[in-house]
């Protein structure tokens, strides 16, 4: 049985969560991280396209990408895994992603309180200076029996 490091490591966790459940089904991949941020990739796939006339990733999978990157950014900033629930996640689309392109979600946790964490970030398709979308979100810590003391 695998043991997890004491300090949260997004790259290490990605080996598990990016193979399972919703992130695994979408094919998300870990890209990079820093002290308070994480970047994930959502590779282009034909079955994730919303409009058959235009082969760009639909908005739903991009929202899922940004939600997952937000949670991982919070855990990275906290240096520990503490379950969170999304209270608010605002996604402002600037433009469609490039056709047949991956979308990258880079999210930073910029403030943490006793009960909530605040994030912002961008979705881009290769050029962070020309984002597909901006996001801002608020997440609430959840006390789970046996997980948090």
Foldseek 3Di string as FASTA:
>chain_A
DDDDDAFDDLQVVCVPPCCDDPNVVQNKAWDDADQQKGKIKRAFDQVQADDPVAQFGDVVVVQVQQVVRAQSSVSSNVRHRFDKDWPDKDKAFPATAHHRFMKMWMKGFDDDDPFKTKMKTFIHRPDRVDGRIIMITMITTDDDVPPHD
